[in-house]
Amino acid sequence: MFYTLFAKFHPQNFSMNYFRYLLACLFLTLVSSAQAQHFALSRLFYPNVTLKADYSVPSSLNGTQDYGVTRSGFYGIIPIQSEVQLGYSLKKKLDLRAVHTVMLAQFTQIQPTVDGKSSPDNGYKTLSVGIIRMQASIKDRLWVYGGGLGMTETNETFFTPQPFFWGGAARMHILGLRTQIIYGSIIAYNQKLRFVPVFGINKGLGQWRLSALLPFMANANYKVTKWFNVDMMGGLNGYSGGFQIQTPEEKMLRRENYRHIKVGVSANAHLFSVLNVSLEAGVTTFRQLRTFNSAHENLTSYTPATTPYIGASVRYITSRSGFSSRFTRKLGLGQTGVNW
C-alpha cells in the first residue's frame, strides 16, 4: 500500500507540496465513480469496497404510462502499484517522483420499469474496469492519466455487446492549504465519440467542504461531529444499455439511453472504524429517455416527470493508515474523523 510506503519518509524531510500533489490527484477518480452515492475527495483517499442501491419512484412517462428505475451494485478502488522512483524529469534532470496506480471495478444491476413491469425483463447489467495512474513529481508536478472500458447489456445481448470506453488526463494545482483545483479533458465513446473538458475544485471552509467536478458532480459537506456529517449534492447520471426486440421475422438490436440530474441530501455515519453508512433522498429531474436502432437512428424520445428517489450505501474501508490520516488533515483534504 502506498500509505505504508510513504510512512517511511518523515514529512519534515520531504517537500510538503510533493505530498499535496500526490494525495490530491485522487480527485480525478470521480470521473469513473460518477454513479457513487455522493462525492468528496476524502472518500476516495482509502481503498474501499462500496455496496449501493437507489430507487426512483415511478412517474409519468408519456401521460399514459409510468417509468421507474432501480439500481443496485458494488464499486471498488483497488491499489495495484505504489512506489517512489528516482529518475529523470522531462528536462533530463534528476527527479524524485511517486507513482500510484489503482484499479476501479464496478458492477451494477439496473432495472427500468414501465407501468410496474420490468422492461427489459432482466434489466441491464453494467460491468466496467478502469485504471488511474497518478504521478507526483518534484520537477514535473502532478499529472493524472486514466482509462477504462465496460458494457451495459441485457441477458439477450450480453454476447453481442456495444462497449463503452474513456480515457483522459488532468493537472492539479494547490492554491493554499485547503484549496485545490484540477483541469483536464476526457475522451469517451458510447455510441458516439465525445471530447469533454473537466474542471474541479475542492475547498474547505470551517466545518464545510465544497467540492465539484464539472460537468459531472457538485457537493457541499457539513461536518456535524467526528462520526456524523451531512451532504447536499447534485450530479448528472444515467445509463446506456443494449436490448433486443424479437419478432416472428427477426431479432432486432436496440439501445436505450436514459439521463437525469439528481439533487439530494444524505446523512452519513462512521461505524466500527471501518464502515461508513449513508442514507440519501432527493429528486431526479431533467429526465430524458430515448431508444435507438443499430444505425444509431432515434426511434423514440420521452421526458419522464420529476420524481423523488431514495438511496443507501455501505462502504467498507479496506485499509487505514495513521500516517495518511494525519497527513490528510494537515493538507485540508480531510478532517478529524470521517468525512464521507
Protein backbone atom coordinates (compact mmCIF):
# COMPACT_ATOMS: atom_id res chain seq x y z
CA MET A 1 0.00 0.00 0.00
CA PHE A 2 1.37 3.45 -0.89
CA TYR A 3 0.29 4.81 2.50
CA THR A 4 2.60 2.43 4.34
CA LEU A 5 5.38 3.12 1.86
CA PHE A 6 5.24 6.86 2.41
CA ALA A 7 5.20 6.43 6.18
CA LYS A 8 8.90 5.56 5.94
CA PHE A 9 9.64 9.14 4.90
CA HIS A 10 9.39 11.74 7.65
CA PRO A 11 7.29 14.72 6.47
CA GLN A 12 9.87 17.20 7.76
CA ASN A 13 12.47 15.73 5.41
CA PHE A 14 10.32 15.91 2.32
CA SER A 15 8.52 18.58 0.28
CA MET A 16 5.01 19.36 1.61
CA ASN A 17 3.88 20.32 -1.89
CA TYR A 18 5.04 16.94 -3.17
CA PHE A 19 2.62 15.13 -0.85
CA ARG A 20 -0.16 17.56 -1.64
CA TYR A 21 0.08 16.75 -5.32
CA LEU A 22 0.15 13.02 -4.71
CA LEU A 23 -2.89 12.97 -2.45
CA ALA A 24 -4.96 15.50 -4.34
CA CYS A 25 -4.73 13.61 -7.62
CA LEU A 26 -7.30 11.13 -6.37
CA PHE A 27 -9.80 13.81 -7.39
CA LEU A 28 -9.88 12.51 -10.95
CA THR A 29 -11.08 9.12 -9.79
CA LEU A 30 -14.52 10.75 -9.54
CA VAL A 31 -14.87 10.66 -13.28
CA SER A 32 -15.17 6.90 -13.08
CA SER A 33 -17.27 6.88 -9.93
CA ALA A 34 -19.98 9.20 -11.16
CA GLN A 35 -22.57 6.68 -10.04
CA ALA A 36 -21.35 6.61 -6.44
CA GLN A 37 -23.90 7.74 -3.90
CA HIS A 38 -22.18 11.08 -3.37
CA PHE A 39 -18.92 12.88 -3.84
CA ALA A 40 -15.91 14.17 -1.89
CA LEU A 41 -12.19 13.78 -2.32
CA SER A 42 -11.64 12.33 1.16
CA ARG A 43 -13.98 9.44 0.33
CA LEU A 44 -11.51 8.29 -2.30
CA PHE A 45 -8.40 8.54 -0.15
CA TYR A 46 -8.59 4.99 1.17
CA PRO A 47 -9.10 1.83 -0.90
CA ASN A 48 -12.64 0.65 -0.31
CA VAL A 49 -15.50 -1.52 -1.45
CA THR A 50 -18.97 0.03 -1.59
CA LEU A 51 -22.39 -1.60 -1.82
CA LYS A 52 -25.07 0.80 -3.03
CA ALA A 53 -28.69 0.90 -4.12
CA ASP A 54 -31.24 3.55 -5.09
CA TYR A 55 -34.88 3.65 -6.14
CA SER A 56 -36.68 6.30 -8.20
CA VAL A 57 -40.44 6.45 -7.69
CA PRO A 58 -42.29 5.73 -10.98
CA SER A 59 -43.59 8.89 -12.64
CA SER A 60 -45.40 9.82 -15.83
CA LEU A 61 -43.54 8.80 -18.98
CA ASN A 62 -45.89 10.00 -21.73
CA GLY A 63 -49.14 10.86 -19.98
CA THR A 64 -50.46 7.28 -20.11
CA GLN A 65 -47.56 5.21 -18.69
CA ASP A 66 -45.26 5.44 -15.66
CA TYR A 67 -41.49 4.95 -15.73
CA GLY A 68 -39.26 3.97 -12.79
CA VAL A 69 -35.65 2.88 -12.22
CA THR A 70 -33.97 0.78 -9.53
CA ARG A 71 -30.19 0.35 -9.20
CA SER A 72 -28.02 -1.88 -7.05
CA GLY A 73 -24.40 -2.95 -7.20
CA PHE A 74 -20.88 -2.52 -5.89
CA TYR A 75 -17.90 -0.33 -6.61
CA GLY A 76 -14.28 -0.87 -5.57
CA ILE A 77 -10.99 1.04 -5.54
CA ILE A 78 -8.11 -1.45 -5.54
CA PRO A 79 -4.42 -0.36 -5.38
CA ILE A 80 -2.15 -2.33 -7.73
CA GLN A 81 1.13 -0.36 -7.73
CA SER A 82 2.71 2.11 -5.31
CA GLU A 83 6.34 3.16 -5.32
CA VAL A 84 8.81 6.03 -5.08
CA GLN A 85 11.15 6.33 -8.05
CA LEU A 86 14.43 8.14 -8.60
CA GLY A 87 14.79 9.10 -12.23
CA TYR A 88 14.94 11.91 -14.76
CA SER A 89 12.38 14.59 -15.43
CA LEU A 90 11.24 15.65 -18.90
CA LYS A 91 14.09 18.20 -18.84
CA LYS A 92 16.64 15.44 -18.23
CA LYS A 93 17.28 16.49 -14.64
CA LEU A 94 17.44 14.24 -11.61
CA ASP A 95 13.96 13.91 -10.15
CA LEU A 96 12.19 12.13 -7.31
CA ARG A 97 8.64 11.09 -8.00
CA ALA A 98 5.94 8.85 -6.62
CA VAL A 99 3.52 6.83 -8.71
CA HIS A 100 0.34 5.22 -7.51
CA THR A 101 -1.91 3.10 -9.70
CA VAL A 102 -5.38 1.91 -8.75
CA MET A 103 -7.94 -0.27 -10.46
CA LEU A 104 -11.59 0.79 -10.46
CA ALA A 105 -14.10 -2.06 -10.71
CA GLN A 106 -17.88 -1.75 -10.86
CA PHE A 107 -20.91 -3.97 -11.29
CA THR A 108 -24.42 -2.51 -11.35
CA GLN A 109 -27.85 -4.06 -11.91
CA ILE A 110 -30.26 -1.53 -13.46
CA GLN A 111 -33.96 -2.38 -13.59
CA PRO A 112 -36.23 0.05 -15.50
CA THR A 113 -39.99 -0.43 -15.21
CA VAL A 114 -42.93 0.71 -17.35
CA ASP A 115 -46.31 0.63 -15.58
CA GLY A 116 -44.74 -1.53 -12.87
CA LYS A 117 -43.45 -4.18 -15.32
CA SER A 118 -39.74 -4.76 -15.85
CA SER A 119 -38.55 -3.51 -19.23
CA PRO A 120 -36.44 -5.33 -20.32
CA ASP A 121 -37.39 -8.38 -18.25
CA ASN A 122 -33.97 -8.94 -16.65
CA GLY A 123 -32.85 -5.32 -16.69
CA TYR A 124 -29.36 -4.18 -17.62
CA LYS A 125 -26.04 -5.28 -16.17
CA THR A 126 -23.13 -2.86 -16.20
CA LEU A 127 -19.59 -4.18 -15.90
CA SER A 128 -16.65 -1.78 -16.04
CA VAL A 129 -12.95 -1.75 -15.22
CA GLY A 130 -10.61 1.22 -15.22
CA ILE A 131 -7.08 2.19 -14.34
CA ILE A 132 -5.92 5.50 -12.86
CA ARG A 133 -2.19 6.27 -12.73
CA MET A 134 -1.21 9.18 -10.52
CA GLN A 135 2.29 10.63 -10.78
CA ALA A 136 3.60 13.28 -8.40
CA SER A 137 7.00 14.72 -9.28
CA ILE A 138 9.05 17.47 -7.67
CA LYS A 139 10.02 18.88 -11.07
CA ASP A 140 7.11 17.92 -13.31
CA ARG A 141 4.48 18.45 -10.59
CA LEU A 142 1.32 16.34 -10.78
CA TRP A 143 -0.28 14.60 -13.75
CA VAL A 144 -3.04 12.02 -13.72
CA TYR A 145 -3.70 9.56 -16.52
CA GLY A 146 -6.57 7.12 -16.74
CA GLY A 147 -8.70 4.93 -18.92
CA GLY A 148 -11.37 2.29 -18.72
CA LEU A 149 -13.90 0.23 -20.59
CA GLY A 150 -17.16 -1.55 -19.92
CA MET A 151 -20.56 -2.53 -21.23
CA THR A 152 -24.21 -2.23 -20.24
CA GLU A 153 -26.34 -5.03 -21.66
CA THR A 154 -29.33 -7.28 -21.11
CA ASN A 155 -29.02 -11.06 -20.88
CA GLU A 156 -30.05 -11.36 -24.56
CA THR A 157 -27.32 -9.04 -25.89
CA PHE A 158 -24.57 -9.88 -23.43
CA PHE A 159 -22.58 -11.73 -26.10
CA THR A 160 -23.12 -9.05 -28.75
CA PRO A 161 -22.24 -6.01 -26.65
CA GLN A 162 -21.77 -2.39 -27.60
CA PRO A 163 -18.89 -1.46 -25.26
CA PHE A 164 -18.00 2.00 -24.00
CA PHE A 165 -14.58 3.37 -23.10
CA TRP A 166 -12.97 6.53 -21.77
CA GLY A 167 -9.52 7.99 -21.36
CA GLY A 168 -8.13 11.27 -20.13
CA ALA A 169 -5.51 13.34 -18.36
CA ALA A 170 -5.62 16.16 -15.82
CA ARG A 171 -3.39 18.60 -13.97
CA MET A 172 -3.72 19.61 -10.32
CA HIS A 173 -2.80 22.94 -8.71
CA ILE A 174 -2.69 23.69 -4.98
CA LEU A 175 -3.99 27.15 -4.02
CA GLY A 176 -3.43 27.32 -0.29
CA LEU A 177 -3.67 24.62 2.35
CA ARG A 178 -7.40 23.88 1.89
CA THR A 179 -7.96 24.68 -1.78
CA GLN A 180 -7.15 22.56 -4.82
CA ILE A 181 -8.23 22.87 -8.45
CA ILE A 182 -7.98 20.39 -11.28
CA TYR A 183 -8.46 20.75 -15.02
CA GLY A 184 -8.10 18.44 -17.96
CA SER A 185 -10.06 16.60 -20.62
CA ILE A 186 -11.68 13.24 -21.24
CA ILE A 187 -12.36 11.39 -24.47
CA ALA A 188 -15.29 9.00 -24.13
CA TYR A 189 -17.07 6.66 -26.54
CA ASN A 190 -20.61 5.39 -26.04
CA GLN A 191 -22.21 5.15 -29.49
CA LYS A 192 -20.51 8.48 -30.27
CA LEU A 193 -17.00 9.79 -29.66
CA ARG A 194 -17.09 12.76 -27.31
CA PHE A 195 -14.49 15.21 -26.02
CA VAL A 196 -15.31 16.53 -22.54
CA PRO A 197 -13.30 19.27 -20.78
CA VAL A 198 -13.40 18.95 -16.98
CA PHE A 199 -12.80 21.41 -14.16
CA GLY A 200 -12.79 20.58 -10.47
CA ILE A 201 -12.36 22.36 -7.16
CA ASN A 202 -12.05 21.20 -3.56
CA LYS A 203 -12.40 23.96 -0.92
CA GLY A 204 -12.57 23.75 2.86
CA LEU A 205 -14.47 26.46 4.78
CA GLY A 206 -14.62 25.81 8.52
CA GLN A 207 -16.93 22.83 9.06
CA TRP A 208 -17.93 22.96 5.39
CA ARG A 209 -16.24 21.36 2.40
CA LEU A 210 -17.26 22.34 -1.13
CA SER A 211 -16.32 20.02 -3.99
CA ALA A 212 -17.16 19.92 -7.68
CA LEU A 213 -16.04 18.11 -10.79
CA LEU A 214 -17.85 19.81 -13.64
CA PRO A 215 -19.82 18.92 -15.68
CA PHE A 216 -20.41 15.76 -13.62
CA MET A 217 -20.98 16.49 -9.95
CA ALA A 218 -21.09 19.08 -7.15
CA ASN A 219 -21.23 18.55 -3.39
CA ALA A 220 -21.36 20.51 -0.12
CA ASN A 221 -20.49 18.57 3.05
CA TYR A 222 -21.13 19.78 6.61
CA LYS A 223 -19.34 18.01 9.44
CA VAL A 224 -21.64 17.77 12.49
CA THR A 225 -19.47 15.51 14.69
CA LYS A 226 -16.44 13.26 14.24
CA TRP A 227 -18.71 10.37 13.31
CA PHE A 228 -21.64 12.10 11.57
CA ASN A 229 -21.93 14.53 8.66
CA VAL A 230 -24.43 15.67 6.03
CA ASP A 231 -24.10 16.07 2.25
CA MET A 232 -26.02 18.24 -0.19
CA MET A 233 -25.24 17.20 -3.74
CA GLY A 234 -26.25 17.31 -7.36
CA GLY A 235 -25.00 15.34 -10.34
CA LEU A 236 -25.54 14.06 -13.84
CA ASN A 237 -26.35 10.35 -14.06
CA GLY A 238 -27.95 7.70 -16.26
CA TYR A 239 -27.22 4.64 -18.37
CA SER A 240 -26.98 3.49 -21.97
CA GLY A 241 -27.84 -0.17 -22.46
CA GLY A 242 -28.38 -2.60 -25.29
CA PHE A 243 -31.50 -4.76 -25.53
CA GLN A 244 -33.28 -6.96 -28.08
CA ILE A 245 -36.72 -7.00 -29.68
CA GLN A 246 -37.80 -10.32 -31.14
CA THR A 247 -40.44 -10.55 -33.88
CA PRO A 248 -41.55 -13.59 -35.92
CA GLU A 249 -39.29 -12.40 -38.72
CA GLU A 250 -36.10 -11.32 -36.91
CA LYS A 251 -34.30 -10.26 -33.80
CA MET A 252 -33.63 -6.53 -33.68
CA LEU A 253 -30.96 -4.92 -31.55
CA ARG A 254 -31.87 -1.68 -29.83
CA ARG A 255 -30.19 0.71 -27.42
CA GLU A 256 -31.84 2.68 -24.63
CA ASN A 257 -30.33 5.90 -23.29
CA TYR A 258 -31.51 7.42 -20.00
CA ARG A 259 -30.23 10.61 -18.38
CA HIS A 260 -31.25 12.67 -15.36
CA ILE A 261 -29.95 15.27 -12.93
CA LYS A 262 -30.05 14.12 -9.32
CA VAL A 263 -30.37 16.61 -6.45
CA GLY A 264 -30.43 15.27 -2.89
CA VAL A 265 -29.33 15.24 0.74
CA SER A 266 -27.62 12.40 2.59
CA ALA A 267 -26.81 11.57 6.21
CA ASN A 268 -23.53 9.73 6.74
CA ALA A 269 -22.35 7.80 9.81
CA HIS A 270 -19.00 6.20 10.58
CA LEU A 271 -19.35 2.87 12.41
CA PHE A 272 -16.92 0.31 13.87
CA SER A 273 -13.89 2.23 12.47
CA VAL A 274 -14.13 0.57 9.02
CA LEU A 275 -17.75 1.07 7.91
CA ASN A 276 -19.46 4.15 6.52
CA VAL A 277 -23.24 4.03 6.17
CA SER A 278 -25.19 6.61 4.13
CA LEU A 279 -28.89 7.25 3.63
CA GLU A 280 -29.92 9.56 0.80
CA ALA A 281 -33.09 11.19 -0.52
CA GLY A 282 -33.95 13.79 -3.14
CA VAL A 283 -35.39 14.22 -6.60
CA THR A 284 -34.37 13.32 -10.14
CA THR A 285 -35.25 15.91 -12.77
CA PHE A 286 -34.45 16.96 -16.35
CA ARG A 287 -35.02 13.33 -17.26
CA GLN A 288 -34.72 12.01 -20.80
CA LEU A 289 -35.34 8.52 -22.21
CA ARG A 290 -34.51 7.60 -25.82
CA THR A 291 -34.25 4.44 -27.90
CA PHE A 292 -32.03 3.94 -30.96
CA ASN A 293 -31.67 1.27 -33.62
CA SER A 294 -28.41 -0.37 -34.69
CA ALA A 295 -27.81 2.51 -37.13
CA HIS A 296 -27.99 4.99 -34.19
CA GLU A 297 -31.22 6.47 -35.51
CA ASN A 298 -33.52 7.94 -32.85
CA LEU A 299 -36.75 5.88 -32.64
CA THR A 300 -38.50 7.27 -29.54
CA SER A 301 -37.91 10.15 -27.16
CA TYR A 302 -39.61 10.79 -23.79
CA THR A 303 -39.17 13.20 -20.88
CA PRO A 304 -40.31 11.40 -17.69
CA ALA A 305 -41.65 13.70 -14.98
CA THR A 306 -39.57 14.82 -12.00
CA THR A 307 -39.77 12.22 -9.23
CA PRO A 308 -38.43 11.51 -5.70
CA TYR A 309 -35.71 8.94 -5.06
CA ILE A 310 -34.13 7.25 -2.05
CA GLY A 311 -30.75 5.56 -1.78
CA ALA A 312 -28.39 3.82 0.62
CA SER A 313 -24.77 2.73 0.61
CA VAL A 314 -22.39 0.83 2.87
CA ARG A 315 -18.69 1.44 2.34
CA TYR A 316 -16.05 -0.87 3.81
CA ILE A 317 -12.65 0.77 4.09
CA THR A 318 -10.13 -1.95 3.28
CA SER A 319 -7.05 -0.11 4.52
CA ARG A 320 -6.33 2.67 7.02
CA SER A 321 -3.08 4.33 7.98
CA GLY A 322 -2.49 6.63 10.93
CA PHE A 323 0.17 8.48 8.95
CA SER A 324 -2.06 9.10 5.93
CA SER A 325 -4.97 10.16 8.17
CA ARG A 326 -2.84 12.78 9.91
CA PHE A 327 -1.38 13.99 6.66
CA THR A 328 -4.78 14.29 5.02
CA ARG A 329 -5.95 16.54 7.84
CA LYS A 330 -2.83 18.70 7.58
CA LEU A 331 -3.35 19.21 3.87
CA GLY A 332 -7.01 20.11 4.31
CA LEU A 333 -8.19 17.20 2.17
CA GLY A 334 -9.97 15.61 5.13
CA GLN A 335 -10.85 16.38 8.72
CA THR A 336 -10.76 14.61 12.05
CA GLY A 337 -12.99 11.56 11.98
CA VAL A 338 -14.99 10.52 8.97
CA ASN A 339 -15.71 12.97 6.17
CA TRP A 340 -17.90 10.87 3.92
